[in-house]
Amino acid sequence: MSTSEQTAPSRSQISTWGPAVGNFLIRYSMVVVMLLVVAFFAYQSARFATADNLVTILISAAPFALIALGQTLVILTGGIDLSVGSIIAMSAMAAAWADKNVGSNPLIPLLTAVLVGLIAGSINGFVVSRLNVPSFIVTLGMMTLGSGIAYAIGNGAPINGLSANYGDYANTQVLGVTIPVILMIVAILFFAFLMHRTAYGLRIYAIGGNRLASEIAGVRARSTLFSVYAISGLLAGVSGIMLSSRVITGAPTLGTGYELDAIAAVVIGGASLIGGRGTVWGTVIGLFLIQTINNGLDLLLVQAYWQDVIKGVIIVAAVGVDVWANKRR
């Protein structure tokens, strides 16, 4: 028997490999889409596949990742949080005002932003969980309220002239890695563990799957619902000070449109808007897909309006691929 005959795969092996490869591509369809997007931009721009550009993507993704993680918890319960962009702006403006008017202690602006985000999220959670008002209506109202408060804090203008310490939140490095990136990595690992290795995560999935059945089974649905909106608000507050610290200014327009990108990241990652299905790792793939598209189109000098068109098409196509893959599974 020749060497070629010994090493050639048999027809039965080929028939086995085919479905196996197909099942692998279906299961990891979003990873495949992500790799194709990366390969395209790497081919089109020599600057894309560099270490410096990777750092740029990570820094840009850090504030966005926090609100996407909070949005994941909310969507898994069957809700939605439209207010995170306005909470970012409100928290950033409150932190900037505190830095300029309260004192020089660097913890004061940080605690102010976190507290503002937590209060806003808690209000959302209370109205949704206790008064049973649909989350779309509640968070839409908070979105308008938060935006108005953000403008009111600065009398309709950005707050400039902040202390040098204010920029340390986003620009300080530890072992060559900025604090926002470290915070993003820690948050991803923490919420991945929380959702897949704790009873709290199981309660969130149970409520999203069937709230009535979960309550009959003994799940305290109201408390859990309250907590996910509070967490979402808190993370938006942290994101707000990270964004404002990067430019050392408070602007009432910070976070504009972030809520839509966060929802898109969660849905691209395979989560269902009716709740009960989705993962933290899926959200991570979704958010990095969006950030990679944004970065790649900037490097290719694509006009902003065409970026919106291209990004919208890619997002719809990516979600379509995920829906098709889920049906095949």
C-alpha atoms as a PDB file:
ATOM      1  CA  MET A   1       0.000   0.000   0.000  1.00  0.00           C
ATOM      2  CA  SER A   2       1.385   3.393  -0.971  1.00  0.00           C
ATOM      3  CA  THR A   3       1.958   6.252   1.439  1.00  0.00           C
ATOM      4  CA  SER A   4      -0.770   8.333  -0.198  1.00  0.00           C
ATOM      5  CA  GLU A   5      -3.253   5.499   0.274  1.00  0.00           C
ATOM      6  CA  GLN A   6      -2.298   5.174   3.931  1.00  0.00           C
ATOM      7  CA  THR A   7      -2.725   8.871   4.748  1.00  0.00           C
ATOM      8  CA  ALA A   8      -5.732   9.729   2.573  1.00  0.00           C
ATOM      9  CA  PRO A   9      -8.913  10.133   4.626  1.00  0.00           C
ATOM     10  CA  SER A  10     -11.648   7.641   3.993  1.00  0.00           C
ATOM     11  CA  ARG A  11     -15.106   8.628   2.726  1.00  0.00           C
ATOM     12  CA  SER A  12     -16.590   7.911   6.156  1.00  0.00           C
ATOM     13  CA  GLN A  13     -14.048  10.210   7.819  1.00  0.00           C
ATOM     14  CA  ILE A  14     -14.874  13.022   5.394  1.00  0.00           C
ATOM     15  CA  SER A  15     -18.603  12.555   5.987  1.00  0.00           C
ATOM     16  CA  THR A  16     -17.931  12.809   9.739  1.00  0.00           C
ATOM     17  CA  TRP A  17     -15.715  15.881   9.482  1.00  0.00           C
ATOM     18  CA  GLY A  18     -18.235  17.826   7.383  1.00  0.00           C
ATOM     19  CA  PRO A  19     -21.038  17.994   9.983  1.00  0.00           C
ATOM     20  CA  ALA A  20     -18.492  18.505  12.772  1.00  0.00           C
ATOM     21  CA  VAL A  21     -17.001  21.554  11.041  1.00  0.00           C
ATOM     22  CA  GLY A  22     -20.483  22.853  10.256  1.00  0.00           C
ATOM     23  CA  ASN A  23     -21.601  22.469  13.862  1.00  0.00           C
ATOM     24  CA  PHE A  24     -18.449  24.226  15.067  1.00  0.00           C
ATOM     25  CA  LEU A  25     -19.036  27.190  12.728  1.00  0.00           C
ATOM     26  CA  ILE A  26     -22.685  27.421  13.802  1.00  0.00           C
ATOM     27  CA  ARG A  27     -21.888  27.267  17.511  1.00  0.00           C
ATOM     28  CA  TYR A  28     -19.199  29.931  17.257  1.00  0.00           C
ATOM     29  CA  SER A  29     -20.761  31.983  14.463  1.00  0.00           C
ATOM     30  CA  MET A  30     -20.120  35.338  16.179  1.00  0.00           C
ATOM     31  CA  VAL A  31     -16.473  34.455  16.756  1.00  0.00           C
ATOM     32  CA  VAL A  32     -16.179  33.658  13.058  1.00  0.00           C
ATOM     33  CA  VAL A  33     -17.795  37.002  12.151  1.00  0.00           C
ATOM     34  CA  MET A  34     -15.393  38.782  14.519  1.00  0.00           C
ATOM     35  CA  LEU A  35     -12.368  37.087  12.933  1.00  0.00           C
ATOM     36  CA  LEU A  36     -13.578  37.990   9.436  1.00  0.00           C
ATOM     37  CA  VAL A  37     -13.990  41.651  10.437  1.00  0.00           C
ATOM     38  CA  VAL A  38     -10.501  41.692  11.992  1.00  0.00           C
ATOM     39  CA  ALA A  39      -9.000  40.043   8.895  1.00  0.00           C
ATOM     40  CA  PHE A  40     -10.688  42.577   6.597  1.00  0.00           C
ATOM     41  CA  PHE A  41      -9.423  45.635   8.493  1.00  0.00           C
ATOM     42  CA  ALA A  42      -5.956  44.118   8.892  1.00  0.00           C
ATOM     43  CA  TYR A  43      -5.802  43.641   5.124  1.00  0.00           C
ATOM     44  CA  GLN A  44      -7.095  47.148   4.395  1.00  0.00           C
ATOM     45  CA  SER A  45      -4.913  49.050   6.897  1.00  0.00           C
ATOM     46  CA  ALA A  46      -1.383  48.294   8.015  1.00  0.00           C
ATOM     47  CA  ARG A  47      -1.989  50.338  11.179  1.00  0.00           C
ATOM     48  CA  PHE A  48      -4.865  48.123  12.321  1.00  0.00           C
ATOM     49  CA  ALA A  49      -2.945  44.985  13.303  1.00  0.00           C
ATOM     50  CA  THR A  50      -0.491  46.714  15.645  1.00  0.00           C
ATOM     51  CA  ALA A  51      -0.002  46.601  19.392  1.00  0.00           C
ATOM     52  CA  ASP A  52      -0.652  50.336  19.711  1.00  0.00           C
ATOM     53  CA  ASN A  53      -3.968  50.038  17.916  1.00  0.00           C
ATOM     54  CA  LEU A  54      -4.978  47.093  20.108  1.00  0.00           C
ATOM     55  CA  VAL A  55      -4.350  49.280  23.155  1.00  0.00           C
ATOM     56  CA  THR A  56      -6.471  52.006  21.575  1.00  0.00           C
ATOM     57  CA  ILE A  57      -9.353  49.561  21.074  1.00  0.00           C
ATOM     58  CA  LEU A  58      -9.095  48.322  24.669  1.00  0.00           C
ATOM     59  CA  ILE A  59      -9.083  51.853  26.101  1.00  0.00           C
ATOM     60  CA  SER A  60     -12.077  52.836  23.979  1.00  0.00           C
ATOM     61  CA  ALA A  61     -13.922  49.652  24.923  1.00  0.00           C
ATOM     62  CA  ALA A  62     -13.449  49.966  28.696  1.00  0.00           C
ATOM     63  CA  PRO A  63     -16.246  52.452  29.568  1.00  0.00           C
ATOM     64  CA  PHE A  64     -18.521  50.869  26.977  1.00  0.00           C
ATOM     65  CA  ALA A  65     -17.882  47.390  28.426  1.00  0.00           C
ATOM     66  CA  LEU A  66     -19.150  48.385  31.864  1.00  0.00           C
ATOM     67  CA  ILE A  67     -22.542  49.576  30.653  1.00  0.00           C
ATOM     68  CA  ALA A  68     -22.817  46.596  28.285  1.00  0.00           C
ATOM     69  CA  LEU A  69     -22.318  44.247  31.247  1.00  0.00           C
ATOM     70  CA  GLY A  70     -25.004  46.072  33.210  1.00  0.00           C
ATOM     71  CA  GLN A  71     -27.302  45.959  30.184  1.00  0.00           C
ATOM     72  CA  THR A  72     -26.718  42.210  29.970  1.00  0.00           C
ATOM     73  CA  LEU A  73     -28.136  41.647  33.444  1.00  0.00           C
ATOM     74  CA  VAL A  74     -31.172  43.799  32.674  1.00  0.00           C
ATOM     75  CA  ILE A  75     -31.903  42.144  29.324  1.00  0.00           C
ATOM     76  CA  LEU A  76     -31.536  38.666  30.807  1.00  0.00           C
ATOM     77  CA  THR A  77     -34.445  39.484  33.130  1.00  0.00           C
ATOM     78  CA  GLY A  78     -36.548  40.501  30.132  1.00  0.00           C
ATOM     79  CA  GLY A  79     -36.111  44.260  30.645  1.00  0.00           C
ATOM     80  CA  ILE A  80     -34.189  47.039  28.960  1.00  0.00           C
ATOM     81  CA  ASP A  81     -32.292  50.090  30.223  1.00  0.00           C
ATOM     82  CA  LEU A  82     -32.442  53.102  27.916  1.00  0.00           C
ATOM     83  CA  SER A  83     -31.104  55.488  30.556  1.00  0.00           C
ATOM     84  CA  VAL A  84     -27.434  54.464  30.798  1.00  0.00           C
ATOM     85  CA  GLY A  85     -26.217  57.099  28.327  1.00  0.00           C
ATOM     86  CA  SER A  86     -27.893  59.899  30.278  1.00  0.00           C
ATOM     87  CA  ILE A  87     -26.676  58.441  33.594  1.00  0.00           C
ATOM     88  CA  ILE A  88     -23.132  58.579  32.191  1.00  0.00           C
ATOM     89  CA  ALA A  89     -23.565  62.279  31.377  1.00  0.00           C
ATOM     90  CA  MET A  90     -25.239  63.074  34.698  1.00  0.00           C
ATOM     91  CA  SER A  91     -22.544  61.224  36.698  1.00  0.00           C
ATOM     92  CA  ALA A  92     -19.731  62.857  34.753  1.00  0.00           C
ATOM     93  CA  MET A  93     -21.158  66.342  35.269  1.00  0.00           C
ATOM     94  CA  ALA A  94     -21.772  65.700  38.979  1.00  0.00           C
ATOM     95  CA  ALA A  95     -18.213  64.410  39.427  1.00  0.00           C
ATOM     96  CA  ALA A  96     -16.758  67.397  37.569  1.00  0.00           C
ATOM     97  CA  TRP A  97     -18.850  69.811  39.653  1.00  0.00           C
ATOM     98  CA  ALA A  98     -17.683  68.096  42.861  1.00  0.00           C
ATOM     99  CA  ASP A  99     -14.036  68.321  41.780  1.00  0.00           C
ATOM    100  CA  LYS A 100     -14.366  72.026  41.134  1.00  0.00           C
ATOM    101  CA  ASN A 101     -16.529  73.059  44.081  1.00  0.00           C
ATOM    102  CA  VAL A 102     -16.298  70.579  46.973  1.00  0.00           C
ATOM    103  CA  GLY A 103     -12.622  69.966  47.597  1.00  0.00           C
ATOM    104  CA  SER A 104      -9.311  68.602  46.385  1.00  0.00           C
ATOM    105  CA  ASN A 105      -9.751  65.062  47.744  1.00  0.00           C
ATOM    106  CA  PRO A 106      -9.537  62.820  44.647  1.00  0.00           C
ATOM    107  CA  LEU A 107     -12.054  60.366  46.120  1.00  0.00           C
ATOM    108  CA  ILE A 108     -14.876  62.925  46.203  1.00  0.00           C
ATOM    109  CA  PRO A 109     -15.530  63.072  42.415  1.00  0.00           C
ATOM    110  CA  LEU A 110     -15.266  59.281  42.156  1.00  0.00           C
ATOM    111  CA  LEU A 111     -17.718  58.653  44.985  1.00  0.00           C
ATOM    112  CA  THR A 112     -20.031  61.330  43.596  1.00  0.00           C
ATOM    113  CA  ALA A 113     -20.208  59.664  40.177  1.00  0.00           C
ATOM    114  CA  VAL A 114     -20.769  56.214  41.673  1.00  0.00           C
ATOM    115  CA  LEU A 115     -23.451  57.507  44.039  1.00  0.00           C
ATOM    116  CA  VAL A 116     -25.320  59.401  41.312  1.00  0.00           C
ATOM    117  CA  GLY A 117     -25.296  56.328  39.058  1.00  0.00           C
ATOM    118  CA  LEU A 118     -26.426  54.074  41.896  1.00  0.00           C
ATOM    119  CA  ILE A 119     -29.299  56.396  42.875  1.00  0.00           C
ATOM    120  CA  ALA A 120     -30.510  56.702  39.276  1.00  0.00           C
ATOM    121  CA  GLY A 121     -30.340  52.931  38.776  1.00  0.00           C
ATOM    122  CA  SER A 122     -32.085  52.310  42.084  1.00  0.00           C
ATOM    123  CA  ILE A 123     -34.947  54.601  41.077  1.00  0.00           C
ATOM    124  CA  ASN A 124     -35.305  52.614  37.854  1.00  0.00           C
ATOM    125  CA  GLY A 125     -35.224  49.363  39.797  1.00  0.00           C
ATOM    126  CA  PHE A 126     -37.775  50.490  42.371  1.00  0.00           C
ATOM    127  CA  VAL A 127     -40.328  51.654  39.807  1.00  0.00           C
ATOM    128  CA  VAL A 128     -39.876  48.534  37.654  1.00  0.00           C
ATOM    129  CA  SER A 129     -39.854  45.965  40.458  1.00  0.00           C
ATOM    130  CA  ARG A 130     -42.263  47.502  42.979  1.00  0.00           C
ATOM    131  CA  LEU A 131     -44.686  49.492  40.814  1.00  0.00           C
ATOM    132  CA  ASN A 132     -44.549  47.053  37.867  1.00  0.00           C
ATOM    133  CA  VAL A 133     -44.117  49.826  35.305  1.00  0.00           C
ATOM    134  CA  PRO A 134     -42.580  48.521  32.036  1.00  0.00           C
ATOM    135  CA  SER A 135     -38.827  49.035  31.986  1.00  0.00           C
ATOM    136  CA  PHE A 136     -38.976  50.720  28.567  1.00  0.00           C
ATOM    137  CA  ILE A 137     -41.176  53.512  29.947  1.00  0.00           C
ATOM    138  CA  VAL A 138     -39.261  53.895  33.218  1.00  0.00           C
ATOM    139  CA  THR A 139     -35.797  54.071  31.684  1.00  0.00           C
ATOM    140  CA  LEU A 140     -37.013  56.293  28.848  1.00  0.00           C
ATOM    141  CA  GLY A 141     -38.193  58.752  31.483  1.00  0.00           C
ATOM    142  CA  MET A 142     -34.873  58.480  33.336  1.00  0.00           C
ATOM    143  CA  MET A 143     -33.034  59.047  30.061  1.00  0.00           C
ATOM    144  CA  THR A 144     -34.818  62.374  29.595  1.00  0.00           C
ATOM    145  CA  LEU A 145     -34.497  63.314  33.271  1.00  0.00           C
ATOM    146  CA  GLY A 146     -30.806  62.454  33.448  1.00  0.00           C
ATOM    147  CA  SER A 147     -29.994  64.406  30.306  1.00  0.00           C
ATOM    148  CA  GLY A 148     -31.807  67.443  31.679  1.00  0.00           C
ATOM    149  CA  ILE A 149     -30.000  67.237  35.019  1.00  0.00           C
ATOM    150  CA  ALA A 150     -26.642  66.890  33.247  1.00  0.00           C
ATOM    151  CA  TYR A 151     -27.241  70.138  31.390  1.00  0.00           C
ATOM    152  CA  ALA A 152     -28.596  71.837  34.510  1.00  0.00           C
ATOM    153  CA  ILE A 153     -25.471  71.022  36.556  1.00  0.00           C
ATOM    154  CA  GLY A 154     -23.291  72.953  34.132  1.00  0.00           C
ATOM    155  CA  ASN A 155     -25.912  75.582  33.249  1.00  0.00           C
ATOM    156  CA  GLY A 156     -26.010  74.199  29.737  1.00  0.00           C
ATOM    157  CA  ALA A 157     -22.235  74.171  29.240  1.00  0.00           C
ATOM    158  CA  PRO A 158     -19.323  71.773  29.886  1.00  0.00           C
ATOM    159  CA  ILE A 159     -17.383  72.062  33.146  1.00  0.00           C
ATOM    160  CA  ASN A 160     -13.728  72.809  32.444  1.00  0.00           C
ATOM    161  CA  GLY A 161     -10.742  73.816  34.548  1.00  0.00           C
ATOM    162  CA  LEU A 162     -10.683  70.594  36.574  1.00  0.00           C
ATOM    163  CA  SER A 163      -7.782  69.594  38.799  1.00  0.00           C
ATOM    164  CA  ALA A 164      -4.866  67.589  37.487  1.00  0.00           C
ATOM    165  CA  ASN A 165      -5.860  64.735  39.803  1.00  0.00           C
ATOM    166  CA  TYR A 166      -9.129  64.356  37.928  1.00  0.00           C
ATOM    167  CA  GLY A 167      -7.302  62.883  34.946  1.00  0.00           C
ATOM    168  CA  ASP A 168      -5.666  60.196  37.079  1.00  0.00           C
ATOM    169  CA  TYR A 169      -8.780  58.000  37.110  1.00  0.00           C
ATOM    170  CA  ALA A 170      -8.495  57.172  33.409  1.00  0.00           C
ATOM    171  CA  ASN A 171      -4.851  57.862  32.616  1.00  0.00           C
ATOM    172  CA  THR A 172      -2.938  56.190  35.463  1.00  0.00           C
ATOM    173  CA  GLN A 173      -1.127  53.024  34.429  1.00  0.00           C
ATOM    174  CA  VAL A 174      -0.366  49.894  36.426  1.00  0.00           C
ATOM    175  CA  LEU A 175       2.300  47.678  34.833  1.00  0.00           C
ATOM    176  CA  GLY A 176       1.763  49.526  31.578  1.00  0.00           C
ATOM    177  CA  VAL A 177      -2.025  49.014  31.562  1.00  0.00           C
ATOM    178  CA  THR A 178      -4.446  51.865  32.235  1.00  0.00           C
ATOM    179  CA  ILE A 179      -6.869  51.593  35.141  1.00  0.00           C
ATOM    180  CA  PRO A 180     -10.009  51.537  32.918  1.00  0.00           C
ATOM    181  CA  VAL A 181      -8.690  48.506  31.013  1.00  0.00           C
ATOM    182  CA  ILE A 182      -7.849  46.718  34.265  1.00  0.00           C
ATOM    183  CA  LEU A 183     -11.291  47.557  35.595  1.00  0.00           C
ATOM    184  CA  MET A 184     -12.893  46.221  32.405  1.00  0.00           C
ATOM    185  CA  ILE A 185     -11.045  42.899  32.644  1.00  0.00           C
ATOM    186  CA  VAL A 186     -11.915  42.490  36.331  1.00  0.00           C
ATOM    187  CA  ALA A 187     -15.573  43.355  35.658  1.00  0.00           C
ATOM    188  CA  ILE A 188     -15.841  40.833  32.805  1.00  0.00           C
ATOM    189  CA  LEU A 189     -14.362  38.032  34.904  1.00  0.00           C
ATOM    190  CA  PHE A 190     -16.495  38.958  37.918  1.00  0.00           C
ATOM    191  CA  PHE A 191     -19.793  39.050  36.048  1.00  0.00           C
ATOM    192  CA  ALA A 192     -18.967  35.888  34.099  1.00  0.00           C
ATOM    193  CA  PHE A 193     -18.448  34.105  37.417  1.00  0.00           C
ATOM    194  CA  LEU A 194     -21.526  35.760  38.946  1.00  0.00           C
ATOM    195  CA  MET A 195     -23.858  34.708  36.148  1.00  0.00           C
ATOM    196  CA  HIS A 196     -22.639  31.155  35.683  1.00  0.00           C
ATOM    197  CA  ARG A 197     -21.404  30.049  39.076  1.00  0.00           C
ATOM    198  CA  THR A 198     -23.749  31.630  41.633  1.00  0.00           C
ATOM    199  CA  ALA A 199     -27.372  31.336  42.722  1.00  0.00           C
ATOM    200  CA  TYR A 200     -27.849  35.022  41.944  1.00  0.00           C
ATOM    201  CA  GLY A 201     -27.080  34.394  38.281  1.00  0.00           C
ATOM    202  CA  LEU A 202     -29.491  31.469  38.187  1.00  0.00           C
ATOM    203  CA  ARG A 203     -32.225  33.693  39.635  1.00  0.00           C
ATOM    204  CA  ILE A 204     -31.688  36.241  36.875  1.00  0.00           C
ATOM    205  CA  TYR A 205     -32.010  33.560  34.191  1.00  0.00           C
ATOM    206  CA  ALA A 206     -35.074  32.128  35.925  1.00  0.00           C
ATOM    207  CA  ILE A 207     -36.840  35.507  36.048  1.00  0.00           C
ATOM    208  CA  GLY A 208     -36.095  36.141  32.384  1.00  0.00           C
ATOM    209  CA  GLY A 209     -37.345  32.711  31.418  1.00  0.00           C
ATOM    210  CA  ASN A 210     -40.602  32.886  33.387  1.00  0.00           C
ATOM    211  CA  ARG A 211     -41.039  35.355  36.228  1.00  0.00           C
ATOM    212  CA  LEU A 212     -44.227  33.792  37.593  1.00  0.00           C
ATOM    213  CA  ALA A 213     -42.733  30.312  37.646  1.00  0.00           C
ATOM    214  CA  SER A 214     -39.580  31.607  39.340  1.00  0.00           C
ATOM    215  CA  GLU A 215     -41.646  33.313  42.059  1.00  0.00           C
ATOM    216  CA  ILE A 216     -43.606  30.103  42.638  1.00  0.00           C
ATOM    217  CA  ALA A 217     -40.264  28.321  42.990  1.00  0.00           C
ATOM    218  CA  GLY A 218     -39.259  30.755  45.739  1.00  0.00           C
ATOM    219  CA  VAL A 219     -37.194  33.314  43.826  1.00  0.00           C
ATOM    220  CA  ARG A 220     -37.489  36.855  45.224  1.00  0.00           C
ATOM    221  CA  ALA A 221     -38.080  38.403  41.825  1.00  0.00           C
ATOM    222  CA  ARG A 222     -38.649  41.959  43.047  1.00  0.00           C
ATOM    223  CA  SER A 223     -35.361  42.139  44.928  1.00  0.00           C
ATOM    224  CA  THR A 224     -33.447  40.631  42.022  1.00  0.00           C
ATOM    225  CA  LEU A 225     -35.032  42.994  39.503  1.00  0.00           C
ATOM    226  CA  PHE A 226     -34.248  45.975  41.726  1.00  0.00           C
ATOM    227  CA  SER A 227     -30.627  44.875  42.000  1.00  0.00           C
ATOM    228  CA  VAL A 228     -29.966  44.502  38.253  1.00  0.00           C
ATOM    229  CA  TYR A 229     -31.123  48.064  37.527  1.00  0.00           C
ATOM    230  CA  ALA A 230     -29.127  49.384  40.488  1.00  0.00           C
ATOM    231  CA  ILE A 231     -26.027  47.580  39.200  1.00  0.00           C
ATOM    232  CA  SER A 232     -26.612  48.936  35.691  1.00  0.00           C
ATOM    233  CA  GLY A 233     -26.829  52.480  37.059  1.00  0.00           C
ATOM    234  CA  LEU A 234     -23.736  52.051  39.218  1.00  0.00           C
ATOM    235  CA  LEU A 235     -21.686  50.785  36.268  1.00  0.00           C
ATOM    236  CA  ALA A 236     -22.915  53.714  34.173  1.00  0.00           C
ATOM    237  CA  GLY A 237     -21.734  56.055  36.926  1.00  0.00           C
ATOM    238  CA  VAL A 238     -18.262  54.510  36.888  1.00  0.00           C
ATOM    239  CA  SER A 239     -18.237  54.705  33.095  1.00  0.00           C
ATOM    240  CA  GLY A 240     -19.161  58.399  33.316  1.00  0.00           C
ATOM    241  CA  ILE A 241     -16.171  59.390  35.412  1.00  0.00           C
ATOM    242  CA  MET A 242     -13.858  57.235  33.286  1.00  0.00           C
ATOM    243  CA  LEU A 243     -14.984  59.039  30.120  1.00  0.00           C
ATOM    244  CA  SER A 244     -14.785  62.528  31.636  1.00  0.00           C
ATOM    245  CA  SER A 245     -11.455  61.790  33.283  1.00  0.00           C
ATOM    246  CA  ARG A 246      -9.954  60.819  29.936  1.00  0.00           C
ATOM    247  CA  VAL A 247     -10.496  64.346  28.587  1.00  0.00           C
ATOM    248  CA  ILE A 248     -10.383  66.083  32.012  1.00  0.00           C
ATOM    249  CA  THR A 249     -13.686  67.842  31.483  1.00  0.00           C
ATOM    250  CA  GLY A 250     -17.340  67.303  32.234  1.00  0.00           C
ATOM    251  CA  ALA A 251     -19.661  67.432  29.215  1.00  0.00           C
ATOM    252  CA  PRO A 252     -23.450  66.965  29.236  1.00  0.00           C
ATOM    253  CA  THR A 253     -23.199  65.121  25.911  1.00  0.00           C
ATOM    254  CA  LEU A 254     -21.017  62.295  27.240  1.00  0.00           C
ATOM    255  CA  GLY A 255     -22.570  58.884  26.725  1.00  0.00           C
ATOM    256  CA  THR A 256     -24.874  59.978  23.917  1.00  0.00           C
ATOM    257  CA  GLY A 257     -25.950  56.885  21.991  1.00  0.00           C
ATOM    258  CA  TYR A 258     -24.123  54.516  24.324  1.00  0.00           C
ATOM    259  CA  GLU A 259     -27.378  52.852  25.384  1.00  0.00           C
ATOM    260  CA  LEU A 260     -28.066  51.776  21.805  1.00  0.00           C
ATOM    261  CA  ASP A 261     -24.552  50.411  21.293  1.00  0.00           C
ATOM    262  CA  ALA A 262     -24.793  48.555  24.615  1.00  0.00           C
ATOM    263  CA  ILE A 263     -28.099  46.958  23.621  1.00  0.00           C
ATOM    264  CA  ALA A 264     -26.630  46.078  20.208  1.00  0.00           C
ATOM    265  CA  ALA A 265     -23.595  44.439  21.860  1.00  0.00           C
ATOM    266  CA  VAL A 266     -25.802  42.282  24.079  1.00  0.00           C
ATOM    267  CA  VAL A 267     -28.067  41.230  21.209  1.00  0.00           C
ATOM    268  CA  ILE A 268     -25.139  40.568  18.862  1.00  0.00           C
ATOM    269  CA  GLY A 269     -23.732  38.367  21.618  1.00  0.00           C
ATOM    270  CA  GLY A 270     -26.784  36.112  21.350  1.00  0.00           C
ATOM    271  CA  ALA A 271     -29.044  37.429  24.125  1.00  0.00           C
ATOM    272  CA  SER A 272     -32.803  37.404  23.673  1.00  0.00           C
ATOM    273  CA  LEU A 273     -34.665  40.678  24.247  1.00  0.00           C
ATOM    274  CA  ILE A 274     -37.476  38.723  25.907  1.00  0.00           C
ATOM    275  CA  GLY A 275     -35.031  37.474  28.555  1.00  0.00           C
ATOM    276  CA  GLY A 276     -33.677  34.176  29.772  1.00  0.00           C
ATOM    277  CA  ARG A 277     -31.016  33.638  27.099  1.00  0.00           C
ATOM    278  CA  GLY A 278     -27.578  35.171  26.754  1.00  0.00           C
ATOM    279  CA  THR A 279     -24.102  35.140  28.280  1.00  0.00           C
ATOM    280  CA  VAL A 280     -21.506  37.584  29.504  1.00  0.00           C
ATOM    281  CA  TRP A 281     -18.959  36.165  27.052  1.00  0.00           C
ATOM    282  CA  GLY A 282     -21.402  36.702  24.203  1.00  0.00           C
ATOM    283  CA  THR A 283     -21.715  40.347  25.233  1.00  0.00           C
ATOM    284  CA  VAL A 284     -17.920  40.646  25.291  1.00  0.00           C
ATOM    285  CA  ILE A 285     -17.749  39.419  21.689  1.00  0.00           C
ATOM    286  CA  GLY A 286     -20.518  41.815  20.707  1.00  0.00           C
ATOM    287  CA  LEU A 287     -18.926  44.860  22.313  1.00  0.00           C
ATOM    288  CA  PHE A 288     -15.502  44.157  20.831  1.00  0.00           C
ATOM    289  CA  LEU A 289     -17.093  43.601  17.418  1.00  0.00           C
ATOM    290  CA  ILE A 290     -18.654  47.076  17.611  1.00  0.00           C
ATOM    291  CA  GLN A 291     -15.446  48.678  18.903  1.00  0.00           C
ATOM    292  CA  THR A 292     -13.393  46.950  16.208  1.00  0.00           C
ATOM    293  CA  ILE A 293     -15.749  48.203  13.503  1.00  0.00           C
ATOM    294  CA  ASN A 294     -15.579  51.750  14.878  1.00  0.00           C
ATOM    295  CA  ASN A 295     -11.781  51.655  15.042  1.00  0.00           C
ATOM    296  CA  GLY A 296     -11.322  50.069  11.624  1.00  0.00           C
ATOM    297  CA  LEU A 297     -13.628  52.535   9.870  1.00  0.00           C
ATOM    298  CA  ASP A 298     -11.801  55.441  11.537  1.00  0.00           C
ATOM    299  CA  LEU A 299      -8.468  54.122  10.263  1.00  0.00           C
ATOM    300  CA  LEU A 300      -9.912  53.826   6.762  1.00  0.00           C
ATOM    301  CA  LEU A 301     -11.037  57.475   7.022  1.00  0.00           C
ATOM    302  CA  VAL A 302     -14.647  56.596   6.289  1.00  0.00           C
ATOM    303  CA  GLN A 303     -17.026  59.531   6.714  1.00  0.00           C
ATOM    304  CA  ALA A 304     -19.064  59.490   9.939  1.00  0.00           C
ATOM    305  CA  TYR A 305     -22.429  59.152   8.191  1.00  0.00           C
ATOM    306  CA  TRP A 306     -21.201  56.210   6.125  1.00  0.00           C
ATOM    307  CA  GLN A 307     -19.807  54.663   9.304  1.00  0.00           C
ATOM    308  CA  ASP A 308     -23.325  54.649  10.752  1.00  0.00           C
ATOM    309  CA  VAL A 309     -24.686  53.010   7.594  1.00  0.00           C
ATOM    310  CA  ILE A 310     -21.966  50.347   7.487  1.00  0.00           C
ATOM    311  CA  LYS A 311     -22.148  49.658  11.218  1.00  0.00           C
ATOM    312  CA  GLY A 312     -25.928  49.315  11.056  1.00  0.00           C
ATOM    313  CA  VAL A 313     -25.733  46.842   8.188  1.00  0.00           C
ATOM    314  CA  ILE A 314     -23.055  44.789   9.942  1.00  0.00           C
ATOM    315  CA  ILE A 315     -25.016  44.743  13.216  1.00  0.00           C
ATOM    316  CA  VAL A 316     -28.206  43.569  11.472  1.00  0.00           C
ATOM    317  CA  ALA A 317     -26.241  40.969   9.497  1.00  0.00           C
ATOM    318  CA  ALA A 318     -24.453  39.735  12.619  1.00  0.00           C
ATOM    319  CA  VAL A 319     -27.720  39.363  14.520  1.00  0.00           C
ATOM    320  CA  GLY A 320     -29.222  37.590  11.504  1.00  0.00           C
ATOM    321  CA  VAL A 321     -26.326  35.132  11.473  1.00  0.00           C
ATOM    322  CA  ASP A 322     -26.772  34.500  15.192  1.00  0.00           C
ATOM    323  CA  VAL A 323     -30.534  33.926  14.833  1.00  0.00           C
ATOM    324  CA  TRP A 324     -29.935  31.536  11.949  1.00  0.00           C
ATOM    325  CA  ALA A 325     -27.247  29.704  13.911  1.00  0.00           C
ATOM    326  CA  ASN A 326     -29.557  29.320  16.917  1.00  0.00           C
ATOM    327  CA  LYS A 327     -32.308  27.880  14.717  1.00  0.00           C
ATOM    328  CA  ARG A 328     -29.837  25.397  13.213  1.00  0.00           C
ATOM    329  CA  ARG A 329     -28.703  24.381  16.697  1.00  0.00           C
END
